[in-house]
Amino acid sequence: MDKNIIALLPMKKHSERVPNKNLRDFSGKPLYHRVMESLSQSKYIKEVCINTDSKQISENAISNFDNVRIIERPEELMGDIVAMNDIIDYDISKLEGEHFLQTHSTNPLLTADTIDRAIEEYFENLSEFDSLFSVNRLQTRLYWQNGEPVNHNPQELLRTQDLPPLFEENSNIYIFSRESFKNAGNRRIGLKPQMFEMNNLESIDIDEPEDFILAETLYKQLRDKL
């Protein structure tokens, strides 16, 4: 099966919690360059489509990368509360191809190797699953807001490594087809998704200013080891 896939990388001009996040210097380059480099190094990504409302991001991307296409974000999809699935729906309506991978500029430690492994697992398991999303394993004692335990019995106090694992969606990788997106009501996670477990350090996602500091520190220390 042809494993070629189109990557979707949405980036808006305004960032509420980390100002100018996408173009902010991250270890010597704009933040978004880090994930763009990994996407460009993938064996299977044939094109990266950047949906943006920023002329500066558009011009920077075209100047620095060969395999990029810009999709100008329409006014009705601008703002901080627009659902990502609505942006994806708009993007794939403008594109040819059947299979898509969506990620974020805020995943600077995501490697080409991990991207390729996820794509390979997606295609290898299409007979069983219709989509794939990346997760982190949690094996720790969790509680609901009211103090009730989620995944353990406080009277037994099992070792954390013996607790049944839970999995956290980490927003690094979503792979889906045009068909699975439609069948799931225009959602990137399909009706029968596969979870793809990732390294916790590699999957760090920048949402807050302190995340930026942590991610840049980890990048400098671990980039060659991931």
C-alpha atoms as a PDB file:
ATOM      1  CA  MET A   1       0.000   0.000   0.000  1.00  0.00           C
ATOM      2  CA  ASP A   2       1.204   3.514  -0.846  1.00  0.00           C
ATOM      3  CA  LYS A   3       2.063   5.118   2.501  1.00  0.00           C
ATOM      4  CA  ASN A   4       2.363   8.674   1.178  1.00  0.00           C
ATOM      5  CA  ILE A   5       0.523  11.083   3.407  1.00  0.00           C
ATOM      6  CA  ILE A   6      -0.193  14.826   3.636  1.00  0.00           C
ATOM      7  CA  ALA A   7       0.716  16.605   6.877  1.00  0.00           C
ATOM      8  CA  LEU A   8      -1.525  19.348   8.260  1.00  0.00           C
ATOM      9  CA  LEU A   9       0.168  21.971  10.447  1.00  0.00           C
ATOM     10  CA  PRO A  10      -2.276  24.704  11.555  1.00  0.00           C
ATOM     11  CA  MET A  11      -0.776  27.918  12.933  1.00  0.00           C
ATOM     12  CA  LYS A  12      -2.595  31.092  13.874  1.00  0.00           C
ATOM     13  CA  LYS A  13      -1.074  34.541  14.248  1.00  0.00           C
ATOM     14  CA  HIS A  14      -2.399  35.205  17.743  1.00  0.00           C
ATOM     15  CA  SER A  15      -1.401  33.078  20.710  1.00  0.00           C
ATOM     16  CA  GLU A  16      -3.261  33.757  23.932  1.00  0.00           C
ATOM     17  CA  ARG A  17      -0.960  32.137  26.490  1.00  0.00           C
ATOM     18  CA  VAL A  18       2.479  32.320  24.805  1.00  0.00           C
ATOM     19  CA  PRO A  19       2.720  35.509  22.681  1.00  0.00           C
ATOM     20  CA  ASN A  20       4.023  35.072  19.110  1.00  0.00           C
ATOM     21  CA  LYS A  21       4.558  31.418  19.967  1.00  0.00           C
ATOM     22  CA  ASN A  22       4.988  29.955  16.490  1.00  0.00           C
ATOM     23  CA  LEU A  23       7.770  32.359  15.462  1.00  0.00           C
ATOM     24  CA  ARG A  24       9.376  32.720  18.881  1.00  0.00           C
ATOM     25  CA  ASP A  25      13.041  31.719  18.992  1.00  0.00           C
ATOM     26  CA  PHE A  26      13.467  28.124  20.103  1.00  0.00           C
ATOM     27  CA  SER A  27      17.114  27.126  20.417  1.00  0.00           C
ATOM     28  CA  GLY A  28      18.159  29.312  17.498  1.00  0.00           C
ATOM     29  CA  LYS A  29      15.188  28.922  15.133  1.00  0.00           C
ATOM     30  CA  PRO A  30      11.492  29.804  15.108  1.00  0.00           C
ATOM     31  CA  LEU A  31       9.569  27.254  17.176  1.00  0.00           C
ATOM     32  CA  TYR A  32       7.567  25.846  14.274  1.00  0.00           C
ATOM     33  CA  HIS A  33      10.767  25.045  12.331  1.00  0.00           C
ATOM     34  CA  ARG A  34      11.490  22.151  14.691  1.00  0.00           C
ATOM     35  CA  VAL A  35       8.418  20.121  13.822  1.00  0.00           C
ATOM     36  CA  MET A  36       8.643  21.226  10.170  1.00  0.00           C
ATOM     37  CA  GLU A  37      12.143  19.760  10.023  1.00  0.00           C
ATOM     38  CA  SER A  38      10.880  16.438  11.390  1.00  0.00           C
ATOM     39  CA  LEU A  39       7.978  16.383   8.938  1.00  0.00           C
ATOM     40  CA  SER A  40      10.357  17.199   6.074  1.00  0.00           C
ATOM     41  CA  GLN A  41      12.656  14.327   7.073  1.00  0.00           C
ATOM     42  CA  SER A  42       9.822  11.771   7.155  1.00  0.00           C
ATOM     43  CA  LYS A  43       9.958   8.999   4.553  1.00  0.00           C
ATOM     44  CA  TYR A  44       6.216   9.245   3.975  1.00  0.00           C
ATOM     45  CA  ILE A  45       5.202  12.916   4.219  1.00  0.00           C
ATOM     46  CA  LYS A  46       4.955  14.188   0.664  1.00  0.00           C
ATOM     47  CA  GLU A  47       3.685  17.679   1.513  1.00  0.00           C
ATOM     48  CA  VAL A  48       3.093  19.876   4.563  1.00  0.00           C
ATOM     49  CA  CYS A  49       0.051  22.141   4.444  1.00  0.00           C
ATOM     50  CA  ILE A  50       0.130  25.142   6.767  1.00  0.00           C
ATOM     51  CA  ASN A  51      -3.241  26.688   7.502  1.00  0.00           C
ATOM     52  CA  THR A  52      -2.618  30.186   8.833  1.00  0.00           C
ATOM     53  CA  ASP A  53      -3.949  33.722   9.101  1.00  0.00           C
ATOM     54  CA  SER A  54      -0.403  35.130   9.392  1.00  0.00           C
ATOM     55  CA  LYS A  55       1.388  36.613   6.386  1.00  0.00           C
ATOM     56  CA  GLN A  56       4.648  36.487   8.368  1.00  0.00           C
ATOM     57  CA  ILE A  57       4.314  32.738   8.984  1.00  0.00           C
ATOM     58  CA  SER A  58       3.393  32.150   5.323  1.00  0.00           C
ATOM     59  CA  GLU A  59       6.387  34.070   3.986  1.00  0.00           C
ATOM     60  CA  ASN A  60       8.780  32.477   6.467  1.00  0.00           C
ATOM     61  CA  ALA A  61       7.596  28.960   5.646  1.00  0.00           C
ATOM     62  CA  ILE A  62       7.840  29.428   1.892  1.00  0.00           C
ATOM     63  CA  SER A  63      11.329  30.929   2.252  1.00  0.00           C
ATOM     64  CA  ASN A  64      12.655  28.100   4.423  1.00  0.00           C
ATOM     65  CA  PHE A  65      10.949  24.897   3.257  1.00  0.00           C
ATOM     66  CA  ASP A  66      10.410  23.284  -0.150  1.00  0.00           C
ATOM     67  CA  ASN A  67       7.578  20.863   0.554  1.00  0.00           C
ATOM     68  CA  VAL A  68       5.106  23.354   1.977  1.00  0.00           C
ATOM     69  CA  ARG A  69       1.724  24.601   0.824  1.00  0.00           C
ATOM     70  CA  ILE A  70      -0.034  27.550   2.432  1.00  0.00           C
ATOM     71  CA  ILE A  71      -3.775  27.497   3.007  1.00  0.00           C
ATOM     72  CA  GLU A  72      -5.064  30.929   3.975  1.00  0.00           C
ATOM     73  CA  ARG A  73      -7.421  30.668   6.909  1.00  0.00           C
ATOM     74  CA  PRO A  74     -10.835  32.176   6.144  1.00  0.00           C
ATOM     75  CA  GLU A  75     -12.284  34.764   8.492  1.00  0.00           C
ATOM     76  CA  GLU A  76     -14.953  32.397   9.823  1.00  0.00           C
ATOM     77  CA  LEU A  77     -12.209  30.098  11.147  1.00  0.00           C
ATOM     78  CA  MET A  78     -10.189  32.795  12.903  1.00  0.00           C
ATOM     79  CA  GLY A  79     -10.079  33.222  16.663  1.00  0.00           C
ATOM     80  CA  ASP A  80      -9.063  31.359  19.791  1.00  0.00           C
ATOM     81  CA  ILE A  81     -12.137  29.148  20.179  1.00  0.00           C
ATOM     82  CA  VAL A  82     -12.420  27.639  16.703  1.00  0.00           C
ATOM     83  CA  ALA A  83     -12.457  23.843  16.843  1.00  0.00           C
ATOM     84  CA  MET A  84      -9.449  22.129  15.266  1.00  0.00           C
ATOM     85  CA  ASN A  85     -11.743  19.664  13.496  1.00  0.00           C
ATOM     86  CA  ASP A  86     -13.374  22.598  11.662  1.00  0.00           C
ATOM     87  CA  ILE A  87      -9.952  23.738  10.435  1.00  0.00           C
ATOM     88  CA  ILE A  88      -9.092  20.194   9.322  1.00  0.00           C
ATOM     89  CA  ASP A  89     -12.423  19.945   7.498  1.00  0.00           C
ATOM     90  CA  TYR A  90     -11.619  23.138   5.594  1.00  0.00           C
ATOM     91  CA  ASP A  91      -8.090  21.995   4.774  1.00  0.00           C
ATOM     92  CA  ILE A  92      -8.972  18.592   3.364  1.00  0.00           C
ATOM     93  CA  SER A  93     -11.708  20.181   1.250  1.00  0.00           C
ATOM     94  CA  LYS A  94      -8.887  22.071  -0.495  1.00  0.00           C
ATOM     95  CA  LEU A  95      -6.569  19.090  -0.888  1.00  0.00           C
ATOM     96  CA  GLU A  96      -6.343  15.900  -2.879  1.00  0.00           C
ATOM     97  CA  GLY A  97      -5.233  12.675  -1.289  1.00  0.00           C
ATOM     98  CA  GLU A  98      -6.833  10.202   1.093  1.00  0.00           C
ATOM     99  CA  HIS A  99      -4.626  10.045   4.194  1.00  0.00           C
ATOM    100  CA  PHE A 100      -3.584  12.876   6.511  1.00  0.00           C
ATOM    101  CA  LEU A 101      -1.402  13.440   9.555  1.00  0.00           C
ATOM    102  CA  GLN A 102      -2.110  16.434  11.769  1.00  0.00           C
ATOM    103  CA  THR A 103       0.334  17.782  14.321  1.00  0.00           C
ATOM    104  CA  HIS A 104       1.192  21.102  15.970  1.00  0.00           C
ATOM    105  CA  SER A 105       4.026  23.602  15.956  1.00  0.00           C
ATOM    106  CA  THR A 106       4.063  23.202  19.746  1.00  0.00           C
ATOM    107  CA  ASN A 107       5.583  19.692  19.528  1.00  0.00           C
ATOM    108  CA  PRO A 108       9.252  20.617  18.957  1.00  0.00           C
ATOM    109  CA  LEU A 109      10.736  17.339  20.215  1.00  0.00           C
ATOM    110  CA  LEU A 110       8.652  15.148  17.907  1.00  0.00           C
ATOM    111  CA  THR A 111      11.095  13.235  15.674  1.00  0.00           C
ATOM    112  CA  ALA A 112      10.895  12.008  12.092  1.00  0.00           C
ATOM    113  CA  ASP A 113      11.488   8.470  13.342  1.00  0.00           C
ATOM    114  CA  THR A 114       8.431   8.595  15.588  1.00  0.00           C
ATOM    115  CA  ILE A 115       6.341  10.124  12.810  1.00  0.00           C
ATOM    116  CA  ASP A 116       7.380   7.323  10.456  1.00  0.00           C
ATOM    117  CA  ARG A 117       6.665   4.605  13.036  1.00  0.00           C
ATOM    118  CA  ALA A 118       3.204   6.041  13.617  1.00  0.00           C
ATOM    119  CA  ILE A 119       2.472   6.151   9.881  1.00  0.00           C
ATOM    120  CA  GLU A 120       3.671   2.568   9.458  1.00  0.00           C
ATOM    121  CA  GLU A 121       1.477   1.361  12.337  1.00  0.00           C
ATOM    122  CA  TYR A 122      -1.503   3.246  10.922  1.00  0.00           C
ATOM    123  CA  PHE A 123      -1.244   1.605   7.512  1.00  0.00           C
ATOM    124  CA  GLU A 124      -0.369  -1.837   8.900  1.00  0.00           C
ATOM    125  CA  ASN A 125      -3.519  -1.870  11.045  1.00  0.00           C
ATOM    126  CA  LEU A 126      -6.083  -0.276   8.734  1.00  0.00           C
ATOM    127  CA  SER A 127      -8.014  -3.539   8.588  1.00  0.00           C
ATOM    128  CA  GLU A 128      -8.675  -3.211  12.330  1.00  0.00           C
ATOM    129  CA  PHE A 129      -8.543   0.543  13.059  1.00  0.00           C
ATOM    130  CA  ASP A 130      -9.674   3.564  11.059  1.00  0.00           C
ATOM    131  CA  SER A 131      -7.376   6.193  12.607  1.00  0.00           C
ATOM    132  CA  LEU A 132      -4.475   6.683  15.026  1.00  0.00           C
ATOM    133  CA  PHE A 133      -3.660   9.159  17.765  1.00  0.00           C
ATOM    134  CA  SER A 134      -0.640   9.472  20.048  1.00  0.00           C
ATOM    135  CA  VAL A 135      -0.819   8.950  23.802  1.00  0.00           C
ATOM    136  CA  ASN A 136       1.256   8.818  26.966  1.00  0.00           C
ATOM    137  CA  ARG A 137       0.886   5.965  29.441  1.00  0.00           C
ATOM    138  CA  LEU A 138      -0.117   6.931  32.984  1.00  0.00           C
ATOM    139  CA  GLN A 139       0.519   4.518  35.822  1.00  0.00           C
ATOM    140  CA  THR A 140       0.012   6.639  38.884  1.00  0.00           C
ATOM    141  CA  ARG A 141      -2.686   7.029  41.507  1.00  0.00           C
ATOM    142  CA  LEU A 142      -5.362   9.295  40.043  1.00  0.00           C
ATOM    143  CA  TYR A 143      -8.400  10.852  41.714  1.00  0.00           C
ATOM    144  CA  TRP A 144     -11.592  12.536  40.595  1.00  0.00           C
ATOM    145  CA  GLN A 145     -12.199  16.126  41.701  1.00  0.00           C
ATOM    146  CA  ASN A 146     -14.292  14.918  44.654  1.00  0.00           C
ATOM    147  CA  GLY A 147     -11.414  12.828  46.005  1.00  0.00           C
ATOM    148  CA  GLU A 148     -12.691   9.475  44.743  1.00  0.00           C
ATOM    149  CA  PRO A 149      -9.955   7.246  43.291  1.00  0.00           C
ATOM    150  CA  VAL A 150     -10.020   6.692  39.531  1.00  0.00           C
ATOM    151  CA  ASN A 151      -7.818   3.683  38.945  1.00  0.00           C
ATOM    152  CA  HIS A 152      -6.952   2.143  42.306  1.00  0.00           C
ATOM    153  CA  ASN A 153      -8.222   0.963  45.663  1.00  0.00           C
ATOM    154  CA  PRO A 154      -6.635   3.063  48.464  1.00  0.00           C
ATOM    155  CA  GLN A 155      -7.040   0.097  50.806  1.00  0.00           C
ATOM    156  CA  GLU A 156      -4.750  -2.106  48.692  1.00  0.00           C
ATOM    157  CA  LEU A 157      -1.972   0.391  47.877  1.00  0.00           C
ATOM    158  CA  LEU A 158      -0.578  -1.501  44.911  1.00  0.00           C
ATOM    159  CA  ARG A 159       2.758  -0.468  43.477  1.00  0.00           C
ATOM    160  CA  THR A 160       2.199   2.142  40.777  1.00  0.00           C
ATOM    161  CA  GLN A 161       3.793  -0.128  38.149  1.00  0.00           C
ATOM    162  CA  ASP A 162       1.112  -2.727  38.963  1.00  0.00           C
ATOM    163  CA  LEU A 163      -1.814  -0.342  38.472  1.00  0.00           C
ATOM    164  CA  PRO A 164      -3.919  -0.697  35.307  1.00  0.00           C
ATOM    165  CA  PRO A 165      -2.577   1.912  32.873  1.00  0.00           C
ATOM    166  CA  LEU A 166      -4.555   4.872  31.646  1.00  0.00           C
ATOM    167  CA  PHE A 167      -3.607   6.789  28.504  1.00  0.00           C
ATOM    168  CA  GLU A 168      -3.439  10.534  27.941  1.00  0.00           C
ATOM    169  CA  GLU A 169      -4.015  12.049  24.494  1.00  0.00           C
ATOM    170  CA  ASN A 170      -0.869  14.128  23.962  1.00  0.00           C
ATOM    171  CA  SER A 171      -1.761  16.165  20.827  1.00  0.00           C
ATOM    172  CA  ASN A 172       1.376  15.169  18.892  1.00  0.00           C
ATOM    173  CA  ILE A 173       0.071  12.906  16.133  1.00  0.00           C
ATOM    174  CA  TYR A 174      -3.342  12.298  14.568  1.00  0.00           C
ATOM    175  CA  ILE A 175      -3.560  10.152  11.443  1.00  0.00           C
ATOM    176  CA  PHE A 176      -6.827   9.597   9.631  1.00  0.00           C
ATOM    177  CA  SER A 177      -8.333   9.199   6.212  1.00  0.00           C
ATOM    178  CA  ARG A 178     -10.788  11.410   4.402  1.00  0.00           C
ATOM    179  CA  GLU A 179     -13.346   8.627   4.850  1.00  0.00           C
ATOM    180  CA  SER A 180     -12.761   8.067   8.584  1.00  0.00           C
ATOM    181  CA  PHE A 181     -12.950  11.823   9.218  1.00  0.00           C
ATOM    182  CA  LYS A 182     -16.329  12.005   7.502  1.00  0.00           C
ATOM    183  CA  ASN A 183     -17.677   8.831   9.118  1.00  0.00           C
ATOM    184  CA  ALA A 184     -16.795  10.148  12.588  1.00  0.00           C
ATOM    185  CA  GLY A 185     -18.788  13.335  12.039  1.00  0.00           C
ATOM    186  CA  ASN A 186     -15.820  15.386  10.830  1.00  0.00           C
ATOM    187  CA  ARG A 187     -13.489  14.376  13.647  1.00  0.00           C
ATOM    188  CA  ARG A 188      -9.792  13.516  13.419  1.00  0.00           C
ATOM    189  CA  ILE A 189     -10.175  10.619  15.870  1.00  0.00           C
ATOM    190  CA  GLY A 190     -12.261   8.053  14.054  1.00  0.00           C
ATOM    191  CA  LEU A 191     -14.906   5.618  15.235  1.00  0.00           C
ATOM    192  CA  LYS A 192     -12.334   2.873  15.843  1.00  0.00           C
ATOM    193  CA  PRO A 193      -9.008   4.532  16.642  1.00  0.00           C
ATOM    194  CA  GLN A 194      -5.652   3.004  17.481  1.00  0.00           C
ATOM    195  CA  MET A 195      -3.582   4.490  20.313  1.00  0.00           C
ATOM    196  CA  PHE A 196       0.099   5.066  19.569  1.00  0.00           C
ATOM    197  CA  GLU A 197       2.214   5.255  22.725  1.00  0.00           C
ATOM    198  CA  MET A 198       5.035   7.806  22.762  1.00  0.00           C
ATOM    199  CA  ASN A 199       8.048   8.692  24.860  1.00  0.00           C
ATOM    200  CA  ASN A 200       6.931  11.165  27.539  1.00  0.00           C
ATOM    201  CA  LEU A 201       9.825  13.556  26.960  1.00  0.00           C
ATOM    202  CA  GLU A 202       9.460  13.600  23.180  1.00  0.00           C
ATOM    203  CA  SER A 203       5.748  14.286  23.405  1.00  0.00           C
ATOM    204  CA  ILE A 204       5.932  17.508  25.437  1.00  0.00           C
ATOM    205  CA  ASP A 205       3.400  20.050  24.145  1.00  0.00           C
ATOM    206  CA  ILE A 206       3.796  23.797  24.688  1.00  0.00           C
ATOM    207  CA  ASP A 207       0.656  25.373  26.135  1.00  0.00           C
ATOM    208  CA  GLU A 208       2.021  27.670  28.837  1.00  0.00           C
ATOM    209  CA  PRO A 209       5.151  29.873  29.137  1.00  0.00           C
ATOM    210  CA  GLU A 210       6.771  27.382  31.519  1.00  0.00           C
ATOM    211  CA  ASP A 211       6.233  24.624  28.926  1.00  0.00           C
ATOM    212  CA  PHE A 212       8.354  26.632  26.491  1.00  0.00           C
ATOM    213  CA  ILE A 213      11.229  26.804  28.967  1.00  0.00           C
ATOM    214  CA  LEU A 214      10.964  23.092  29.758  1.00  0.00           C
ATOM    215  CA  ALA A 215      10.748  22.062  26.101  1.00  0.00           C
ATOM    216  CA  GLU A 216      13.731  24.177  25.045  1.00  0.00           C
ATOM    217  CA  THR A 217      15.827  22.814  27.928  1.00  0.00           C
ATOM    218  CA  LEU A 218      14.930  19.240  27.008  1.00  0.00           C
ATOM    219  CA  TYR A 219      15.560  19.914  23.328  1.00  0.00           C
ATOM    220  CA  LYS A 220      19.104  21.107  24.018  1.00  0.00           C
ATOM    221  CA  GLN A 221      19.843  18.115  26.224  1.00  0.00           C
ATOM    222  CA  LEU A 222      18.038  15.296  24.459  1.00  0.00           C
ATOM    223  CA  ARG A 223      17.518  16.069  20.777  1.00  0.00           C
ATOM    224  CA  ASP A 224      20.308  13.748  19.585  1.00  0.00           C
ATOM    225  CA  LYS A 225      19.198  10.941  21.918  1.00  0.00           C
ATOM    226  CA  LEU A 226      15.487  10.737  21.125  1.00  0.00           C
END
